[in-house]
Amino acid sequence: MNDVGPAERFVAGAIGEPGDRTFYIEVVSASENYWFVCEKGQVAALGTRALELLSEASALPDPDAVDMLLSRADLGEPGEVRFRVGAMTLSIGEGSELITVELMNAEDEEDGISFVVAPEQVQAMGLKALESVGKGRPICPDCRLPMIEEHKCPARNGHTPH
């Protein structure tokens, strides 16, 4: 596990058009950029868990700092991808306000990265991640698959939902 210390930037989201997006986590620590590819479901889970962790820990992020971070929370131009994310953990130590994030390589369990972030960074990342996931293709109410222009719903024997 490579511990890179405090992160100056921690964002998660997607680049591309709905139906043709790639999901990333971007971390900047000690002025070094780290890019990680992940799945849409992982970004959704990361955003949801981040907001749950803050609520459970009774961490009170500064709203002005969160707003400032949200204004800069779009992903940059992707750099070299370090690895595809497998497991992810977020934890907060007792008596600490910093959140530890661990991202594990999907192909090598020995390879991973850890860093710490402030509650404001976690809240901004969580909100932006969930916003990004929500911008995808609409979900069919019958089969729960993404709807494309000519959606042939398997739950309706290939007919389009009304």
N, C-alpha and C. Protein backbone atom coordinates (compact mmCIF):
# COMPACT_ATOMS: atom_id res chain seq x y z
N MET A 1 0.86 -1.18 0.00
CA MET A 1 0.00 0.00 0.00
C MET A 1 0.90 1.23 0.00
N ASN A 2 0.68 2.09 -0.96
CA ASN A 2 1.44 3.32 -1.09
C ASN A 2 0.69 4.45 -0.39
N ASP A 3 1.19 4.94 0.73
CA ASP A 3 0.56 6.04 1.46
C ASP A 3 1.12 7.35 0.92
N VAL A 4 0.26 8.15 0.30
CA VAL A 4 0.72 9.41 -0.29
C VAL A 4 0.43 10.62 0.60
N GLY A 5 -0.08 10.38 1.80
CA GLY A 5 -0.31 11.46 2.75
C GLY A 5 -1.58 12.25 2.46
N PRO A 6 -1.61 13.51 2.88
CA PRO A 6 -2.80 14.33 2.67
C PRO A 6 -3.01 14.65 1.18
N ALA A 7 -4.26 14.53 0.75
CA ALA A 7 -4.59 14.85 -0.64
C ALA A 7 -5.06 16.30 -0.74
N GLU A 8 -4.52 17.00 -1.72
CA GLU A 8 -4.96 18.37 -1.99
C GLU A 8 -6.23 18.38 -2.82
N ARG A 9 -6.44 17.30 -3.57
CA ARG A 9 -7.60 17.19 -4.45
C ARG A 9 -8.08 15.74 -4.44
N PHE A 10 -9.41 15.56 -4.36
CA PHE A 10 -10.02 14.24 -4.36
C PHE A 10 -11.38 14.37 -5.02
N VAL A 11 -11.48 13.92 -6.28
CA VAL A 11 -12.73 14.03 -7.01
C VAL A 11 -13.02 12.71 -7.72
N ALA A 12 -14.30 12.48 -7.95
CA ALA A 12 -14.75 11.28 -8.67
C ALA A 12 -15.86 11.69 -9.61
N GLY A 13 -15.84 11.13 -10.80
CA GLY A 13 -16.88 11.47 -11.77
C GLY A 13 -16.64 10.78 -13.09
N ALA A 14 -17.23 11.34 -14.14
CA ALA A 14 -17.16 10.72 -15.46
C ALA A 14 -16.76 11.74 -16.50
N ILE A 15 -16.13 11.23 -17.54
CA ILE A 15 -15.77 12.04 -18.71
C ILE A 15 -16.39 11.35 -19.91
N GLY A 16 -17.06 12.13 -20.74
CA GLY A 16 -17.70 11.59 -21.94
C GLY A 16 -19.20 11.79 -21.90
N GLU A 17 -19.85 11.34 -22.96
CA GLU A 17 -21.29 11.47 -23.09
C GLU A 17 -21.99 10.25 -22.48
N PRO A 18 -23.21 10.44 -21.94
CA PRO A 18 -23.94 9.29 -21.40
C PRO A 18 -24.00 8.15 -22.41
N GLY A 19 -23.71 6.96 -21.93
CA GLY A 19 -23.64 5.79 -22.78
C GLY A 19 -22.24 5.51 -23.28
N ASP A 20 -21.37 6.50 -23.17
CA ASP A 20 -19.98 6.36 -23.63
C ASP A 20 -19.05 7.11 -22.67
N ARG A 21 -19.26 6.90 -21.37
CA ARG A 21 -18.48 7.60 -20.36
C ARG A 21 -17.46 6.67 -19.73
N THR A 22 -16.39 7.26 -19.25
CA THR A 22 -15.41 6.56 -18.45
C THR A 22 -15.41 7.21 -17.08
N PHE A 23 -15.46 6.39 -16.04
CA PHE A 23 -15.49 6.90 -14.67
C PHE A 23 -14.09 6.85 -14.08
N TYR A 24 -13.75 7.94 -13.38
CA TYR A 24 -12.42 8.10 -12.82
C TYR A 24 -12.49 8.60 -11.38
N ILE A 25 -11.43 8.34 -10.66
CA ILE A 25 -11.13 9.00 -9.39
C ILE A 25 -9.81 9.71 -9.63
N GLU A 26 -9.77 10.99 -9.27
CA GLU A 26 -8.55 11.79 -9.41
C GLU A 26 -8.10 12.22 -8.02
N VAL A 27 -6.83 11.99 -7.74
CA VAL A 27 -6.25 12.38 -6.45
C VAL A 27 -4.97 13.16 -6.74
N VAL A 28 -4.82 14.28 -6.05
CA VAL A 28 -3.57 15.04 -6.14
C VAL A 28 -3.01 15.13 -4.72
N SER A 29 -1.78 14.68 -4.57
CA SER A 29 -1.09 14.73 -3.29
C SER A 29 0.36 15.10 -3.54
N ALA A 30 0.85 16.05 -2.77
CA ALA A 30 2.22 16.54 -2.93
C ALA A 30 2.47 16.93 -4.39
N SER A 31 1.47 17.58 -4.98
CA SER A 31 1.52 18.07 -6.37
C SER A 31 1.67 16.96 -7.40
N GLU A 32 1.44 15.71 -7.02
CA GLU A 32 1.48 14.59 -7.96
C GLU A 32 0.05 14.13 -8.24
N ASN A 33 -0.28 13.99 -9.55
CA ASN A 33 -1.61 13.55 -9.95
C ASN A 33 -1.66 12.03 -10.05
N TYR A 34 -2.75 11.46 -9.51
CA TYR A 34 -3.00 10.03 -9.60
C TYR A 34 -4.39 9.86 -10.22
N TRP A 35 -4.47 9.04 -11.26
CA TRP A 35 -5.74 8.75 -11.93
C TRP A 35 -6.05 7.27 -11.80
N PHE A 36 -7.32 6.99 -11.52
CA PHE A 36 -7.78 5.62 -11.35
C PHE A 36 -9.07 5.45 -12.14
N VAL A 37 -9.17 4.37 -12.90
CA VAL A 37 -10.40 4.05 -13.63
C VAL A 37 -11.27 3.20 -12.71
N CYS A 38 -12.57 3.44 -12.77
CA CYS A 38 -13.48 2.63 -11.98
C CYS A 38 -14.81 2.50 -12.70
N GLU A 39 -15.71 1.75 -12.12
CA GLU A 39 -17.04 1.54 -12.69
C GLU A 39 -18.01 2.57 -12.15
N LYS A 40 -19.08 2.79 -12.90
CA LYS A 40 -20.13 3.72 -12.48
C LYS A 40 -20.66 3.36 -11.10
N GLY A 41 -20.89 2.07 -10.86
CA GLY A 41 -21.40 1.62 -9.57
C GLY A 41 -20.43 1.91 -8.44
N GLN A 42 -19.14 1.86 -8.72
CA GLN A 42 -18.14 2.18 -7.70
C GLN A 42 -18.18 3.66 -7.34
N VAL A 43 -18.35 4.52 -8.35
CA VAL A 43 -18.43 5.96 -8.07
C VAL A 43 -19.69 6.25 -7.26
N ALA A 44 -20.80 5.59 -7.61
CA ALA A 44 -22.04 5.76 -6.85
C ALA A 44 -21.86 5.30 -5.41
N ALA A 45 -21.25 4.14 -5.23
CA ALA A 45 -21.03 3.61 -3.88
C ALA A 45 -20.09 4.50 -3.08
N LEU A 46 -19.04 5.00 -3.73
CA LEU A 46 -18.09 5.88 -3.06
C LEU A 46 -18.77 7.17 -2.60
N GLY A 47 -19.56 7.77 -3.47
CA GLY A 47 -20.27 9.00 -3.11
C GLY A 47 -21.25 8.78 -1.97
N THR A 48 -22.01 7.70 -2.06
CA THR A 48 -22.99 7.38 -1.02
C THR A 48 -22.31 7.11 0.30
N ARG A 49 -21.27 6.29 0.29
CA ARG A 49 -20.56 5.94 1.52
C ARG A 49 -19.89 7.16 2.14
N ALA A 50 -19.36 8.03 1.31
CA ALA A 50 -18.70 9.24 1.82
C ALA A 50 -19.69 10.08 2.62
N LEU A 51 -20.88 10.28 2.08
CA LEU A 51 -21.87 11.10 2.78
C LEU A 51 -22.40 10.39 4.02
N GLU A 52 -22.54 9.06 3.97
CA GLU A 52 -22.96 8.29 5.14
C GLU A 52 -21.92 8.38 6.25
N LEU A 53 -20.66 8.26 5.89
CA LEU A 53 -19.58 8.30 6.88
C LEU A 53 -19.57 9.64 7.61
N LEU A 54 -19.74 10.72 6.87
CA LEU A 54 -19.78 12.04 7.51
C LEU A 54 -20.95 12.14 8.48
N SER A 55 -22.08 11.61 8.08
CA SER A 55 -23.26 11.66 8.94
C SER A 55 -23.06 10.81 10.20
N GLU A 56 -22.53 9.61 10.02
CA GLU A 56 -22.28 8.71 11.15
C GLU A 56 -21.26 9.28 12.12
N ALA A 57 -20.26 9.96 11.59
CA ALA A 57 -19.18 10.49 12.42
C ALA A 57 -19.55 11.85 13.02
N SER A 58 -20.71 12.36 12.66
CA SER A 58 -21.13 13.70 13.09
C SER A 58 -20.11 14.76 12.73
N ALA A 59 -19.41 14.52 11.63
CA ALA A 59 -18.45 15.51 11.14
C ALA A 59 -19.24 16.65 10.51
N LEU A 60 -18.89 17.86 10.84
CA LEU A 60 -19.60 19.02 10.32
C LEU A 60 -18.69 19.81 9.40
N PRO A 61 -18.71 19.48 8.12
CA PRO A 61 -17.88 20.23 7.18
C PRO A 61 -18.31 21.69 7.10
N ASP A 62 -17.36 22.56 6.87
CA ASP A 62 -17.62 23.99 6.70
C ASP A 62 -18.34 24.18 5.36
N PRO A 63 -19.59 24.67 5.37
CA PRO A 63 -20.36 24.80 4.13
C PRO A 63 -19.69 25.70 3.09
N ASP A 64 -19.02 26.75 3.52
CA ASP A 64 -18.34 27.64 2.57
C ASP A 64 -17.18 26.91 1.88
N ALA A 65 -16.46 26.10 2.64
CA ALA A 65 -15.35 25.34 2.05
C ALA A 65 -15.88 24.28 1.09
N VAL A 66 -17.00 23.65 1.43
CA VAL A 66 -17.60 22.65 0.54
C VAL A 66 -18.03 23.31 -0.77
N ASP A 67 -18.68 24.48 -0.68
CA ASP A 67 -19.10 25.21 -1.89
C ASP A 67 -17.91 25.56 -2.77
N MET A 68 -16.83 26.01 -2.14
CA MET A 68 -15.63 26.35 -2.91
C MET A 68 -15.06 25.12 -3.60
N LEU A 69 -15.01 23.99 -2.88
CA LEU A 69 -14.50 22.75 -3.47
C LEU A 69 -15.42 22.24 -4.59
N LEU A 70 -16.72 22.38 -4.42
CA LEU A 70 -17.66 21.95 -5.46
C LEU A 70 -17.47 22.75 -6.74
N SER A 71 -17.11 24.01 -6.60
CA SER A 71 -16.91 24.84 -7.80
C SER A 71 -15.69 24.39 -8.60
N ARG A 72 -14.83 23.60 -7.99
CA ARG A 72 -13.62 23.10 -8.66
C ARG A 72 -13.59 21.57 -8.71
N ALA A 73 -14.75 20.94 -8.64
CA ALA A 73 -14.80 19.48 -8.49
C ALA A 73 -14.95 18.72 -9.81
N ASP A 74 -14.89 19.41 -10.93
CA ASP A 74 -14.93 18.68 -12.20
C ASP A 74 -13.59 18.00 -12.42
N LEU A 75 -13.64 16.84 -13.05
CA LEU A 75 -12.41 16.14 -13.37
C LEU A 75 -11.60 16.95 -14.36
N GLY A 76 -10.29 16.87 -14.22
CA GLY A 76 -9.40 17.51 -15.17
C GLY A 76 -9.21 16.62 -16.39
N GLU A 77 -8.22 16.93 -17.18
CA GLU A 77 -7.86 16.09 -18.32
C GLU A 77 -7.13 14.86 -17.78
N PRO A 78 -7.66 13.65 -18.06
CA PRO A 78 -7.05 12.46 -17.47
C PRO A 78 -5.58 12.31 -17.84
N GLY A 79 -4.81 11.95 -16.84
CA GLY A 79 -3.40 11.64 -17.04
C GLY A 79 -3.25 10.14 -17.14
N GLU A 80 -2.04 9.68 -16.92
CA GLU A 80 -1.77 8.25 -16.96
C GLU A 80 -2.53 7.55 -15.83
N VAL A 81 -3.29 6.53 -16.18
CA VAL A 81 -4.08 5.79 -15.19
C VAL A 81 -3.15 4.85 -14.43
N ARG A 82 -3.20 4.95 -13.12
CA ARG A 82 -2.34 4.10 -12.26
C ARG A 82 -2.85 2.67 -12.22
N PHE A 83 -4.17 2.51 -12.03
CA PHE A 83 -4.78 1.17 -12.08
C PHE A 83 -6.30 1.28 -12.09
N ARG A 84 -6.94 0.14 -12.38
CA ARG A 84 -8.40 0.01 -12.27
C ARG A 84 -8.70 -0.33 -10.82
N VAL A 85 -9.64 0.39 -10.23
CA VAL A 85 -9.97 0.23 -8.82
C VAL A 85 -10.77 -1.06 -8.60
N GLY A 86 -10.35 -1.79 -7.57
CA GLY A 86 -11.09 -2.95 -7.10
C GLY A 86 -11.84 -2.54 -5.84
N ALA A 87 -11.29 -2.86 -4.69
CA ALA A 87 -11.90 -2.51 -3.41
C ALA A 87 -11.57 -1.07 -3.04
N MET A 88 -12.49 -0.45 -2.30
CA MET A 88 -12.28 0.90 -1.78
C MET A 88 -12.74 0.92 -0.32
N THR A 89 -12.03 1.67 0.51
CA THR A 89 -12.49 1.85 1.89
C THR A 89 -12.34 3.32 2.27
N LEU A 90 -13.26 3.75 3.11
CA LEU A 90 -13.19 5.07 3.73
C LEU A 90 -13.35 4.85 5.21
N SER A 91 -12.49 5.47 6.01
CA SER A 91 -12.59 5.30 7.45
C SER A 91 -12.15 6.59 8.14
N ILE A 92 -12.65 6.74 9.34
CA ILE A 92 -12.27 7.89 10.14
C ILE A 92 -11.82 7.38 11.50
N GLY A 93 -10.63 7.80 11.89
CA GLY A 93 -10.08 7.35 13.17
C GLY A 93 -10.75 8.03 14.34
N GLU A 94 -10.80 7.33 15.45
CA GLU A 94 -11.40 7.90 16.64
C GLU A 94 -10.62 9.13 17.08
N GLY A 95 -11.33 10.22 17.30
CA GLY A 95 -10.68 11.46 17.72
C GLY A 95 -10.03 12.22 16.58
N SER A 96 -10.22 11.75 15.37
CA SER A 96 -9.63 12.42 14.21
C SER A 96 -10.73 13.00 13.34
N GLU A 97 -10.42 14.06 12.66
CA GLU A 97 -11.37 14.62 11.71
C GLU A 97 -10.98 14.27 10.28
N LEU A 98 -9.82 13.65 10.11
CA LEU A 98 -9.38 13.29 8.76
C LEU A 98 -9.93 11.92 8.38
N ILE A 99 -10.32 11.80 7.12
CA ILE A 99 -10.84 10.54 6.60
C ILE A 99 -9.74 9.87 5.79
N THR A 100 -9.51 8.60 6.07
CA THR A 100 -8.53 7.82 5.31
C THR A 100 -9.25 7.11 4.18
N VAL A 101 -8.70 7.24 2.98
CA VAL A 101 -9.26 6.59 1.79
C VAL A 101 -8.22 5.59 1.28
N GLU A 102 -8.68 4.39 0.99
CA GLU A 102 -7.80 3.37 0.41
C GLU A 102 -8.44 2.88 -0.88
N LEU A 103 -7.65 2.86 -1.95
CA LEU A 103 -8.08 2.34 -3.24
C LEU A 103 -7.16 1.17 -3.58
N MET A 104 -7.74 0.02 -3.90
CA MET A 104 -6.95 -1.17 -4.20
C MET A 104 -7.02 -1.49 -5.68
N ASN A 105 -5.91 -1.97 -6.22
CA ASN A 105 -5.80 -2.37 -7.61
C ASN A 105 -6.65 -3.62 -7.83
N ALA A 106 -7.53 -3.59 -8.84
CA ALA A 106 -8.40 -4.72 -9.13
C ALA A 106 -7.62 -5.95 -9.58
N GLU A 107 -6.43 -5.74 -10.14
CA GLU A 107 -5.66 -6.86 -10.69
C GLU A 107 -4.52 -7.33 -9.80
N ASP A 108 -4.19 -6.55 -8.76
CA ASP A 108 -3.07 -6.90 -7.88
C ASP A 108 -3.41 -6.48 -6.47
N GLU A 109 -3.79 -7.43 -5.64
CA GLU A 109 -4.21 -7.13 -4.27
C GLU A 109 -3.12 -6.48 -3.42
N GLU A 110 -1.88 -6.61 -3.84
CA GLU A 110 -0.77 -6.02 -3.10
C GLU A 110 -0.58 -4.54 -3.43
N ASP A 111 -1.17 -4.10 -4.53
CA ASP A 111 -1.00 -2.73 -5.01
C ASP A 111 -2.19 -1.89 -4.59
N GLY A 112 -1.92 -0.74 -4.03
CA GLY A 112 -2.99 0.16 -3.62
C GLY A 112 -2.42 1.50 -3.22
N ILE A 113 -3.32 2.42 -2.95
CA ILE A 113 -2.91 3.76 -2.54
C ILE A 113 -3.80 4.19 -1.38
N SER A 114 -3.22 4.90 -0.44
CA SER A 114 -4.01 5.46 0.65
C SER A 114 -3.63 6.92 0.82
N PHE A 115 -4.59 7.70 1.29
CA PHE A 115 -4.38 9.12 1.53
C PHE A 115 -5.43 9.60 2.52
N VAL A 116 -5.23 10.76 3.06
CA VAL A 116 -6.20 11.34 4.00
C VAL A 116 -6.74 12.63 3.40
N VAL A 117 -8.01 12.89 3.74
CA VAL A 117 -8.69 14.09 3.27
C VAL A 117 -9.54 14.68 4.40
N ALA A 118 -9.85 15.94 4.27
CA ALA A 118 -10.69 16.64 5.24
C ALA A 118 -12.16 16.34 4.95
N PRO A 119 -13.02 16.50 5.96
CA PRO A 119 -14.46 16.26 5.75
C PRO A 119 -15.04 17.08 4.60
N GLU A 120 -14.57 18.30 4.42
CA GLU A 120 -15.07 19.15 3.33
C GLU A 120 -14.78 18.52 1.97
N GLN A 121 -13.59 17.93 1.83
CA GLN A 121 -13.22 17.28 0.57
C GLN A 121 -14.09 16.05 0.33
N VAL A 122 -14.36 15.31 1.38
CA VAL A 122 -15.18 14.10 1.25
C VAL A 122 -16.60 14.47 0.88
N GLN A 123 -17.15 15.50 1.50
CA GLN A 123 -18.52 15.90 1.18
C GLN A 123 -18.62 16.40 -0.26
N ALA A 124 -17.70 17.25 -0.68
CA ALA A 124 -17.72 17.76 -2.05
C ALA A 124 -17.56 16.62 -3.05
N MET A 125 -16.64 15.69 -2.79
CA MET A 125 -16.46 14.55 -3.69
C MET A 125 -17.73 13.72 -3.76
N GLY A 126 -18.34 13.44 -2.60
CA GLY A 126 -19.55 12.62 -2.57
C GLY A 126 -20.69 13.25 -3.35
N LEU A 127 -20.91 14.53 -3.15
CA LEU A 127 -21.99 15.23 -3.87
C LEU A 127 -21.74 15.24 -5.37
N LYS A 128 -20.51 15.54 -5.76
CA LYS A 128 -20.18 15.60 -7.19
C LYS A 128 -20.23 14.21 -7.83
N ALA A 129 -19.79 13.19 -7.12
CA ALA A 129 -19.82 11.82 -7.63
C ALA A 129 -21.26 11.40 -7.91
N LEU A 130 -22.16 11.65 -6.97
CA LEU A 130 -23.56 11.26 -7.15
C LEU A 130 -24.22 12.08 -8.26
N GLU A 131 -23.84 13.34 -8.38
CA GLU A 131 -24.36 14.16 -9.48
C GLU A 131 -23.91 13.59 -10.82
N SER A 132 -22.66 13.20 -10.91
CA SER A 132 -22.11 12.66 -12.15
C SER A 132 -22.81 11.35 -12.53
N VAL A 133 -23.02 10.47 -11.56
CA VAL A 133 -23.70 9.20 -11.82
C VAL A 133 -25.13 9.47 -12.31
N GLY A 134 -25.78 10.46 -11.73
CA GLY A 134 -27.16 10.78 -12.09
C GLY A 134 -27.33 11.37 -13.48
N LYS A 135 -26.24 11.78 -14.11
CA LYS A 135 -26.32 12.38 -15.44
C LYS A 135 -26.28 11.34 -16.56
N GLY A 136 -26.36 10.08 -16.23
CA GLY A 136 -26.31 9.02 -17.24
C GLY A 136 -27.63 8.86 -17.96
N ARG A 137 -27.69 7.83 -18.79
CA ARG A 137 -28.92 7.53 -19.52
C ARG A 137 -30.03 7.20 -18.54
N PRO A 138 -31.27 7.55 -18.89
CA PRO A 138 -32.38 7.20 -17.99
C PRO A 138 -32.53 5.68 -17.89
N ILE A 139 -33.04 5.24 -16.77
CA ILE A 139 -33.23 3.81 -16.51
C ILE A 139 -34.67 3.43 -16.83
N CYS A 140 -34.84 2.33 -17.56
CA CYS A 140 -36.17 1.83 -17.89
C CYS A 140 -36.87 1.40 -16.60
N PRO A 141 -38.10 1.85 -16.36
CA PRO A 141 -38.80 1.48 -15.14
C PRO A 141 -39.20 0.00 -15.08
N ASP A 142 -39.21 -0.67 -16.23
CA ASP A 142 -39.64 -2.07 -16.26
C ASP A 142 -38.49 -3.05 -16.11
N CYS A 143 -37.41 -2.86 -16.88
CA CYS A 143 -36.31 -3.84 -16.85
C CYS A 143 -35.09 -3.34 -16.09
N ARG A 144 -35.07 -2.06 -15.72
CA ARG A 144 -33.98 -1.43 -14.96
C ARG A 144 -32.67 -1.34 -15.75
N LEU A 145 -32.73 -1.48 -17.09
CA LEU A 145 -31.56 -1.31 -17.94
C LEU A 145 -31.53 0.12 -18.46
N PRO A 146 -30.34 0.62 -18.82
CA PRO A 146 -30.27 1.97 -19.40
C PRO A 146 -31.06 2.01 -20.71
N MET A 147 -31.80 3.10 -20.87
CA MET A 147 -32.60 3.25 -22.09
C MET A 147 -31.75 3.95 -23.15
N ILE A 148 -31.72 3.36 -24.32
CA ILE A 148 -31.07 3.98 -25.46
C ILE A 148 -32.16 4.48 -26.38
N GLU A 149 -31.77 5.12 -27.48
CA GLU A 149 -32.75 5.75 -28.36
C GLU A 149 -33.90 4.82 -28.73
N GLU A 150 -33.60 3.59 -29.13
CA GLU A 150 -34.65 2.63 -29.49
C GLU A 150 -34.59 1.46 -28.51
N HIS A 151 -34.96 1.73 -27.27
CA HIS A 151 -34.91 0.72 -26.21
C HIS A 151 -35.93 -0.38 -26.47
N LYS A 152 -35.47 -1.60 -26.59
CA LYS A 152 -36.34 -2.77 -26.74
C LYS A 152 -36.32 -3.51 -25.41
N CYS A 153 -37.30 -3.22 -24.59
CA CYS A 153 -37.35 -3.69 -23.21
C CYS A 153 -37.57 -5.20 -23.12
N PRO A 154 -36.61 -5.93 -22.50
CA PRO A 154 -36.80 -7.37 -22.35
C PRO A 154 -37.99 -7.72 -21.45
N ALA A 155 -38.32 -6.86 -20.51
CA ALA A 155 -39.45 -7.12 -19.63
C ALA A 155 -40.78 -6.95 -20.37
N ARG A 156 -40.78 -6.29 -21.52
CA ARG A 156 -41.97 -6.07 -22.32
C ARG A 156 -41.86 -6.78 -23.68
N ASN A 157 -41.11 -7.86 -23.71
CA ASN A 157 -40.93 -8.66 -24.93
C ASN A 157 -40.45 -7.82 -26.11
N GLY A 158 -39.53 -6.92 -25.84
CA GLY A 158 -38.93 -6.12 -26.92
C GLY A 158 -39.69 -4.87 -27.28
N HIS A 159 -40.79 -4.58 -26.59
CA HIS A 159 -41.55 -3.37 -26.87
C HIS A 159 -41.02 -2.21 -26.05
N THR A 160 -41.22 -1.03 -26.54
CA THR A 160 -40.79 0.19 -25.86
C THR A 160 -41.75 0.51 -24.71
N PRO A 161 -41.23 0.85 -23.53
CA PRO A 161 -42.12 1.25 -22.41
C PRO A 161 -42.88 2.54 -22.75
N HIS A 162 -44.02 2.70 -22.14
CA HIS A 162 -44.83 3.90 -22.38
C HIS A 162 -44.38 5.03 -21.51
